[in-house]
C-alpha cells in the first residue's frame, strides 16, 4: 500500500522532524511522485530563502535589552 504524504509531512521532513522510517518512505515517494518532488523542491527553496533572510540583532539592541532587564531588579530563580 502506498502512503499519501501531505504538505505537512514534507515540511516536517525538510526540518528533520520525521522518524527514520518516515524519512525512508518520504524519500521513496519523492523519487516516484513528480508532484511531491516539485513540492519538495519548492519548500526547500523557500526554506533556504528564509534561512538567508535571518538577521542577528545589533550589539546595541542586545545591550539595551540586557540593561533594561538588569534595571528591573527581579529576584533570581536560584
PDB file of N, CA and C in Angstrom:
ATOM      1  N   UNK A   1       0.838  -1.175   0.000  1.00  0.00           N
ATOM      2  CA  UNK A   1       0.000   0.000   0.000  1.00  0.00           C
ATOM      3  C   UNK A   1       0.889   1.248   0.000  1.00  0.00           C
ATOM      4  N   UNK A   2       0.589   2.178  -0.879  1.00  0.00           N
ATOM      5  CA  UNK A   2       1.346   3.421  -0.990  1.00  0.00           C
ATOM      6  C   UNK A   2       0.726   4.476  -0.100  1.00  0.00           C
ATOM      7  N   UNK A   3       1.555   5.079   0.741  1.00  0.00           N
ATOM      8  CA  UNK A   3       1.079   6.115   1.649  1.00  0.00           C
ATOM      9  C   UNK A   3       1.061   7.451   0.911  1.00  0.00           C
ATOM     10  N   UNK A   4       0.048   8.235   1.163  1.00  0.00           N
ATOM     11  CA  UNK A   4      -0.041   9.576   0.602  1.00  0.00           C
ATOM     12  C   UNK A   4       0.558  10.552   1.604  1.00  0.00           C
ATOM     13  N   UNK A   5       1.451  11.394   1.130  1.00  0.00           N
ATOM     14  CA  UNK A   5       2.087  12.369   2.013  1.00  0.00           C
ATOM     15  C   UNK A   5       1.496  13.751   1.771  1.00  0.00           C
ATOM     16  N   UNK A   6       1.363  14.503   2.847  1.00  0.00           N
ATOM     17  CA  UNK A   6       0.792  15.846   2.784  1.00  0.00           C
ATOM     18  C   UNK A   6       1.910  16.891   2.767  1.00  0.00           C
ATOM     19  N   UNK A   7       1.520  18.136   2.571  1.00  0.00           N
ATOM     20  CA  UNK A   7       2.480  19.234   2.658  1.00  0.00           C
ATOM     21  C   UNK A   7       3.145  19.248   4.035  1.00  0.00           C
ATOM     22  N   UNK A   8       2.357  18.995   5.061  1.00  0.00           N
ATOM     23  CA  UNK A   8       2.896  18.978   6.422  1.00  0.00           C
ATOM     24  C   UNK A   8       3.977  17.912   6.571  1.00  0.00           C
ATOM     25  N   UNK A   9       3.773  16.744   5.976  1.00  0.00           N
ATOM     26  CA  UNK A   9       4.770  15.681   6.038  1.00  0.00           C
ATOM     27  C   UNK A   9       6.076  16.122   5.385  1.00  0.00           C
ATOM     28  N   UNK A  10       5.969  16.772   4.240  1.00  0.00           N
ATOM     29  CA  UNK A  10       7.153  17.227   3.517  1.00  0.00           C
ATOM     30  C   UNK A  10       7.885  18.303   4.327  1.00  0.00           C
ATOM     31  N   UNK A  11       7.143  19.207   4.908  1.00  0.00           N
ATOM     32  CA  UNK A  11       7.758  20.259   5.732  1.00  0.00           C
ATOM     33  C   UNK A  11       8.441  19.647   6.951  1.00  0.00           C
ATOM     34  N   UNK A  12       7.782  18.710   7.597  1.00  0.00           N
ATOM     35  CA  UNK A  12       8.397  18.019   8.743  1.00  0.00           C
ATOM     36  C   UNK A  12       9.686  17.326   8.316  1.00  0.00           C
ATOM     37  N   UNK A  13       9.678  16.724   7.139  1.00  0.00           N
ATOM     38  CA  UNK A  13      10.862  16.040   6.607  1.00  0.00           C
ATOM     39  C   UNK A  13      11.998  17.041   6.381  1.00  0.00           C
ATOM     40  N   UNK A  14      11.687  18.175   5.775  1.00  0.00           N
ATOM     41  CA  UNK A  14      12.700  19.197   5.492  1.00  0.00           C
ATOM     42  C   UNK A  14      13.325  19.725   6.780  1.00  0.00           C
ATOM     43  N   UNK A  15      12.519  19.850   7.826  1.00  0.00           N
ATOM     44  CA  UNK A  15      13.015  20.355   9.103  1.00  0.00           C
ATOM     45  C   UNK A  15      13.489  19.232  10.046  1.00  0.00           C
ATOM     46  N   UNK A  16      13.685  18.034   9.489  1.00  0.00           N
ATOM     47  CA  UNK A  16      14.214  16.881  10.246  1.00  0.00           C
ATOM     48  C   UNK A  16      13.356  16.538  11.460  1.00  0.00           C
ATOM     49  N   UNK A  17      12.041  16.579  11.292  1.00  0.00           N
ATOM     50  CA  UNK A  17      11.113  16.262  12.375  1.00  0.00           C
ATOM     51  C   UNK A  17      10.401  14.937  12.136  1.00  0.00           C
ATOM     52  N   UNK A  18      10.956  14.117  11.260  1.00  0.00           N
ATOM     53  CA  UNK A  18      10.363  12.817  10.956  1.00  0.00           C
ATOM     54  C   UNK A  18      11.288  11.709  11.440  1.00  0.00           C
ATOM     55  N   UNK A  19      10.698  10.553  11.670  1.00  0.00           N
ATOM     56  CA  UNK A  19      11.485   9.408  12.130  1.00  0.00           C
ATOM     57  C   UNK A  19      12.274   8.820  10.959  1.00  0.00           C
ATOM     58  N   UNK A  20      13.196   7.929  11.267  1.00  0.00           N
ATOM     59  CA  UNK A  20      13.980   7.273  10.212  1.00  0.00           C
ATOM     60  C   UNK A  20      13.071   6.512   9.250  1.00  0.00           C
ATOM     61  N   UNK A  21      12.068   5.846   9.790  1.00  0.00           N
ATOM     62  CA  UNK A  21      11.130   5.103   8.948  1.00  0.00           C
ATOM     63  C   UNK A  21      10.362   6.021   8.018  1.00  0.00           C
ATOM     64  N   UNK A  22       9.892   7.149   8.560  1.00  0.00           N
ATOM     65  CA  UNK A  22       9.182   8.129   7.737  1.00  0.00           C
ATOM     66  C   UNK A  22      10.116   8.708   6.670  1.00  0.00           C
ATOM     67  N   UNK A  23      11.363   8.964   7.062  1.00  0.00           N
ATOM     68  CA  UNK A  23      12.336   9.501   6.112  1.00  0.00           C
ATOM     69  C   UNK A  23      12.460   8.605   4.892  1.00  0.00           C
ATOM     70  N   UNK A  24      12.603   7.313   5.126  1.00  0.00           N
ATOM     71  CA  UNK A  24      12.753   6.359   4.017  1.00  0.00           C
ATOM     72  C   UNK A  24      11.513   6.358   3.126  1.00  0.00           C
ATOM     73  N   UNK A  25      10.348   6.375   3.743  1.00  0.00           N
ATOM     74  CA  UNK A  25       9.098   6.383   2.973  1.00  0.00           C
ATOM     75  C   UNK A  25       8.956   7.662   2.153  1.00  0.00           C
ATOM     76  N   UNK A  26       9.260   8.784   2.778  1.00  0.00           N
ATOM     77  CA  UNK A  26       9.135  10.068   2.083  1.00  0.00           C
ATOM     78  C   UNK A  26      10.155  10.158   0.949  1.00  0.00           C
ATOM     79  N   UNK A  27      11.379   9.733   1.197  1.00  0.00           N
ATOM     80  CA  UNK A  27      12.406   9.762   0.150  1.00  0.00           C
ATOM     81  C   UNK A  27      11.986   8.922  -1.053  1.00  0.00           C
ATOM     82  N   UNK A  28      11.445   7.755  -0.770  1.00  0.00           N
ATOM     83  CA  UNK A  28      10.985   6.874  -1.847  1.00  0.00           C
ATOM     84  C   UNK A  28       9.832   7.537  -2.616  1.00  0.00           C
ATOM     85  N   UNK A  29       8.917   8.146  -1.878  1.00  0.00           N
ATOM     86  CA  UNK A  29       7.767   8.793  -2.507  1.00  0.00           C
ATOM     87  C   UNK A  29       8.203   9.982  -3.358  1.00  0.00           C
ATOM     88  N   UNK A  30       9.184  10.745  -2.888  1.00  0.00           N
ATOM     89  CA  UNK A  30       9.671  11.898  -3.643  1.00  0.00           C
ATOM     90  C   UNK A  30      10.286  11.446  -4.971  1.00  0.00           C
ATOM     91  N   UNK A  31      10.976  10.322  -4.952  1.00  0.00           N
ATOM     92  CA  UNK A  31      11.575   9.803  -6.186  1.00  0.00           C
ATOM     93  C   UNK A  31      10.528   9.347  -7.194  1.00  0.00           C
ATOM     94  N   UNK A  32       9.405   8.844  -6.698  1.00  0.00           N
ATOM     95  CA  UNK A  32       8.389   8.251  -7.574  1.00  0.00           C
ATOM     96  C   UNK A  32       7.266   9.199  -7.969  1.00  0.00           C
ATOM     97  N   UNK A  33       7.040  10.247  -7.213  1.00  0.00           N
ATOM     98  CA  UNK A  33       5.894  11.140  -7.427  1.00  0.00           C
ATOM     99  C   UNK A  33       6.394  12.528  -7.846  1.00  0.00           C
ATOM    100  N   UNK A  34       6.145  12.900  -9.094  1.00  0.00           N
ATOM    101  CA  UNK A  34       6.658  14.179  -9.607  1.00  0.00           C
ATOM    102  C   UNK A  34       6.036  15.378  -8.892  1.00  0.00           C
ATOM    103  N   UNK A  35       4.766  15.274  -8.490  1.00  0.00           N
ATOM    104  CA  UNK A  35       4.126  16.383  -7.759  1.00  0.00           C
ATOM    105  C   UNK A  35       4.767  16.564  -6.383  1.00  0.00           C
ATOM    106  N   UNK A  36       5.019  15.457  -5.719  1.00  0.00           N
ATOM    107  CA  UNK A  36       5.665  15.510  -4.415  1.00  0.00           C
ATOM    108  C   UNK A  36       7.091  16.034  -4.562  1.00  0.00           C
ATOM    109  N   UNK A  37       7.763  15.642  -5.633  1.00  0.00           N
ATOM    110  CA  UNK A  37       9.118  16.103  -5.905  1.00  0.00           C
ATOM    111  C   UNK A  37       9.131  17.623  -6.124  1.00  0.00           C
ATOM    112  N   UNK A  38       8.170  18.122  -6.866  1.00  0.00           N
ATOM    113  CA  UNK A  38       8.062  19.557  -7.118  1.00  0.00           C
ATOM    114  C   UNK A  38       7.781  20.307  -5.819  1.00  0.00           C
ATOM    115  N   UNK A  39       6.898  19.755  -4.986  1.00  0.00           N
ATOM    116  CA  UNK A  39       6.586  20.348  -3.691  1.00  0.00           C
ATOM    117  C   UNK A  39       7.846  20.404  -2.829  1.00  0.00           C
ATOM    118  N   UNK A  40       8.595  19.309  -2.803  1.00  0.00           N
ATOM    119  CA  UNK A  40       9.835  19.238  -2.018  1.00  0.00           C
ATOM    120  C   UNK A  40      10.821  20.313  -2.492  1.00  0.00           C
ATOM    121  N   UNK A  41      11.004  20.449  -3.794  1.00  0.00           N
ATOM    122  CA  UNK A  41      11.932  21.452  -4.335  1.00  0.00           C
ATOM    123  C   UNK A  41      11.499  22.864  -3.966  1.00  0.00           C
ATOM    124  N   UNK A  42      10.212  23.118  -4.092  1.00  0.00           N
ATOM    125  CA  UNK A  42       9.676  24.447  -3.756  1.00  0.00           C
ATOM    126  C   UNK A  42       9.883  24.766  -2.279  1.00  0.00           C
ATOM    127  N   UNK A  43       9.582  23.797  -1.420  1.00  0.00           N
ATOM    128  CA  UNK A  43       9.714  24.023   0.019  1.00  0.00           C
ATOM    129  C   UNK A  43      11.173  24.170   0.445  1.00  0.00           C
ATOM    130  N   UNK A  44      12.071  23.375  -0.133  1.00  0.00           N
ATOM    131  CA  UNK A  44      13.486  23.512   0.234  1.00  0.00           C
ATOM    132  C   UNK A  44      14.040  24.854  -0.239  1.00  0.00           C
ATOM    133  N   UNK A  45      13.579  25.317  -1.378  1.00  0.00           N
ATOM    134  CA  UNK A  45      13.995  26.634  -1.877  1.00  0.00           C
ATOM    135  C   UNK A  45      13.486  27.731  -0.948  1.00  0.00           C
ATOM    136  N   UNK A  46      12.240  27.623  -0.533  1.00  0.00           N
ATOM    137  CA  UNK A  46      11.659  28.606   0.389  1.00  0.00           C
ATOM    138  C   UNK A  46      12.395  28.606   1.721  1.00  0.00           C
ATOM    139  N   UNK A  47      12.721  27.419   2.219  1.00  0.00           N
ATOM    140  CA  UNK A  47      13.458  27.320   3.481  1.00  0.00           C
ATOM    141  C   UNK A  47      14.826  27.973   3.350  1.00  0.00           C
ATOM    142  N   UNK A  48      15.501  27.737   2.240  1.00  0.00           N
ATOM    143  CA  UNK A  48      16.816  28.344   2.015  1.00  0.00           C
ATOM    144  C   UNK A  48      16.702  29.869   1.993  1.00  0.00           C
ATOM    145  N   UNK A  49      15.661  30.386   1.337  1.00  0.00           N
ATOM    146  CA  UNK A  49      15.448  31.836   1.303  1.00  0.00           C
ATOM    147  C   UNK A  49      15.183  32.387   2.703  1.00  0.00           C
ATOM    148  N   UNK A  50      14.383  31.672   3.469  1.00  0.00           N
ATOM    149  CA  UNK A  50      14.099  32.100   4.847  1.00  0.00           C
ATOM    150  C   UNK A  50      15.368  32.081   5.696  1.00  0.00           C
ATOM    151  N   UNK A  51      16.162  31.031   5.537  1.00  0.00           N
ATOM    152  CA  UNK A  51      17.404  30.931   6.306  1.00  0.00           C
ATOM    153  C   UNK A  51      18.350  32.087   5.980  1.00  0.00           C
ATOM    154  N   UNK A  52      18.402  32.482   4.696  1.00  0.00           N
ATOM    155  CA  UNK A  52      19.265  33.595   4.285  1.00  0.00           C
ATOM    156  C   UNK A  52      18.776  34.923   4.837  1.00  0.00           C
ATOM    157  N   UNK A  53      17.481  35.051   5.043  1.00  0.00           N
ATOM    158  CA  UNK A  53      16.926  36.328   5.480  1.00  0.00           C
ATOM    159  C   UNK A  53      17.013  36.527   6.990  1.00  0.00           C
ATOM    160  N   UNK A  54      17.453  35.519   7.722  1.00  0.00           N
ATOM    161  CA  UNK A  54      17.562  35.644   9.176  1.00  0.00           C
ATOM    162  C   UNK A  54      18.610  36.692   9.522  1.00  0.00           C
ATOM    163  N   UNK A  55      18.269  37.548  10.449  1.00  0.00           N
ATOM    164  CA  UNK A  55      19.163  38.618  10.875  1.00  0.00           C
ATOM    165  C   UNK A  55      19.466  38.466  12.355  1.00  0.00           C
ATOM    166  N   UNK A  56      20.653  38.889  12.737  1.00  0.00           N
ATOM    167  CA  UNK A  56      21.025  38.934  14.141  1.00  0.00           C
ATOM    168  C   UNK A  56      20.850  40.370  14.626  1.00  0.00           C
ATOM    169  N   UNK A  57      20.410  40.538  15.857  1.00  0.00           N
ATOM    170  CA  UNK A  57      20.266  41.904  16.362  1.00  0.00           C
ATOM    171  C   UNK A  57      21.645  42.538  16.549  1.00  0.00           C
ATOM    172  N   UNK A  58      21.697  43.837  16.446  1.00  0.00           N
ATOM    173  CA  UNK A  58      22.967  44.532  16.654  1.00  0.00           C
ATOM    174  C   UNK A  58      23.358  44.443  18.130  1.00  0.00           C
ATOM    175  N   UNK A  59      24.633  44.690  18.398  1.00  0.00           N
ATOM    176  CA  UNK A  59      25.108  44.681  19.782  1.00  0.00           C
ATOM    177  C   UNK A  59      24.392  45.754  20.608  1.00  0.00           C
ATOM    178  N   UNK A  60      24.085  46.876  19.978  1.00  0.00           N
ATOM    179  CA  UNK A  60      23.385  47.959  20.675  1.00  0.00           C
ATOM    180  C   UNK A  60      22.021  47.494  21.166  1.00  0.00           C
ATOM    181  N   UNK A  61      21.283  46.825  20.301  1.00  0.00           N
ATOM    182  CA  UNK A  61      19.957  46.329  20.680  1.00  0.00           C
ATOM    183  C   UNK A  61      20.075  45.280  21.787  1.00  0.00           C
ATOM    184  N   UNK A  62      20.996  44.346  21.623  1.00  0.00           N
ATOM    185  CA  UNK A  62      21.199  43.300  22.634  1.00  0.00           C
ATOM    186  C   UNK A  62      21.547  43.915  23.986  1.00  0.00           C
ATOM    187  N   UNK A  63      22.457  44.868  23.983  1.00  0.00           N
ATOM    188  CA  UNK A  63      22.861  45.517  25.236  1.00  0.00           C
ATOM    189  C   UNK A  63      21.721  46.306  25.851  1.00  0.00           C
ATOM    190  N   UNK A  64      20.913  46.941  25.032  1.00  0.00           N
ATOM    191  CA  UNK A  64      19.754  47.692  25.547  1.00  0.00           C
ATOM    192  C   UNK A  64      18.777  46.758  26.254  1.00  0.00           C
ATOM    193  N   UNK A  65      18.539  45.605  25.657  1.00  0.00           N
ATOM    194  CA  UNK A  65      17.630  44.625  26.267  1.00  0.00           C
ATOM    195  C   UNK A  65      18.205  44.116  27.582  1.00  0.00           C
ATOM    196  N   UNK A  66      19.495  43.784  27.585  1.00  0.00           N
ATOM    197  CA  UNK A  66      20.134  43.298  28.812  1.00  0.00           C
ATOM    198  C   UNK A  66      20.126  44.359  29.909  1.00  0.00           C
ATOM    199  N   UNK A  67      20.421  45.598  29.548  1.00  0.00           N
ATOM    200  CA  UNK A  67      20.416  46.675  30.547  1.00  0.00           C
ATOM    201  C   UNK A  67      19.021  46.915  31.108  1.00  0.00           C
ATOM    202  N   UNK A  68      18.027  46.870  30.255  1.00  0.00           N
ATOM    203  CA  UNK A  68      16.652  47.026  30.720  1.00  0.00           C
ATOM    204  C   UNK A  68      16.296  45.898  31.695  1.00  0.00           C
ATOM    205  N   UNK A  69      16.659  44.697  31.327  1.00  0.00           N
ATOM    206  CA  UNK A  69      16.373  43.543  32.173  1.00  0.00           C
ATOM    207  C   UNK A  69      17.040  43.687  33.540  1.00  0.00           C
ATOM    208  N   UNK A  70      18.288  44.130  33.545  1.00  0.00           N
ATOM    209  CA  UNK A  70      19.010  44.326  34.810  1.00  0.00           C
ATOM    210  C   UNK A  70      18.361  45.411  35.656  1.00  0.00           C
ATOM    211  N   UNK A  71      17.808  46.418  34.996  1.00  0.00           N
ATOM    212  CA  UNK A  71      17.214  47.542  35.733  1.00  0.00           C
ATOM    213  C   UNK A  71      15.917  47.160  36.456  1.00  0.00           C
ATOM    214  N   UNK A  72      15.331  46.060  36.084  1.00  0.00           N
ATOM    215  CA  UNK A  72      14.078  45.637  36.718  1.00  0.00           C
ATOM    216  C   UNK A  72      14.291  45.101  38.125  1.00  0.00           C
ATOM    217  N   UNK A  73      15.513  44.698  38.446  1.00  0.00           N
ATOM    218  CA  UNK A  73      15.851  44.185  39.781  1.00  0.00           C
ATOM    219  C   UNK A  73      14.929  43.055  40.216  1.00  0.00           C
ATOM    220  N   UNK A  74      14.678  42.121  39.318  1.00  0.00           N
ATOM    221  CA  UNK A  74      13.858  40.976  39.655  1.00  0.00           C
ATOM    222  C   UNK A  74      14.654  39.955  40.429  1.00  0.00           C
ATOM    223  N   UNK A  75      14.019  39.232  41.369  1.00  0.00           N
ATOM    224  CA  UNK A  75      14.767  38.210  42.114  1.00  0.00           C
ATOM    225  C   UNK A  75      15.164  37.058  41.171  1.00  0.00           C
ATOM    226  N   UNK A  76      16.323  36.514  41.449  1.00  0.00           N
ATOM    227  CA  UNK A  76      16.794  35.392  40.612  1.00  0.00           C
ATOM    228  C   UNK A  76      16.066  34.120  41.007  1.00  0.00           C
ATOM    229  N   UNK A  77      16.093  33.125  40.120  1.00  0.00           N
ATOM    230  CA  UNK A  77      15.448  31.836  40.367  1.00  0.00           C
ATOM    231  C   UNK A  77      16.336  30.862  41.095  1.00  0.00           C
ATOM    232  N   UNK A  78      17.445  31.290  41.594  1.00  0.00           N
ATOM    233  CA  UNK A  78      18.405  30.379  42.233  1.00  0.00           C
ATOM    234  C   UNK A  78      18.032  30.051  43.639  1.00  0.00           C
TER     235      UNK A  78
END
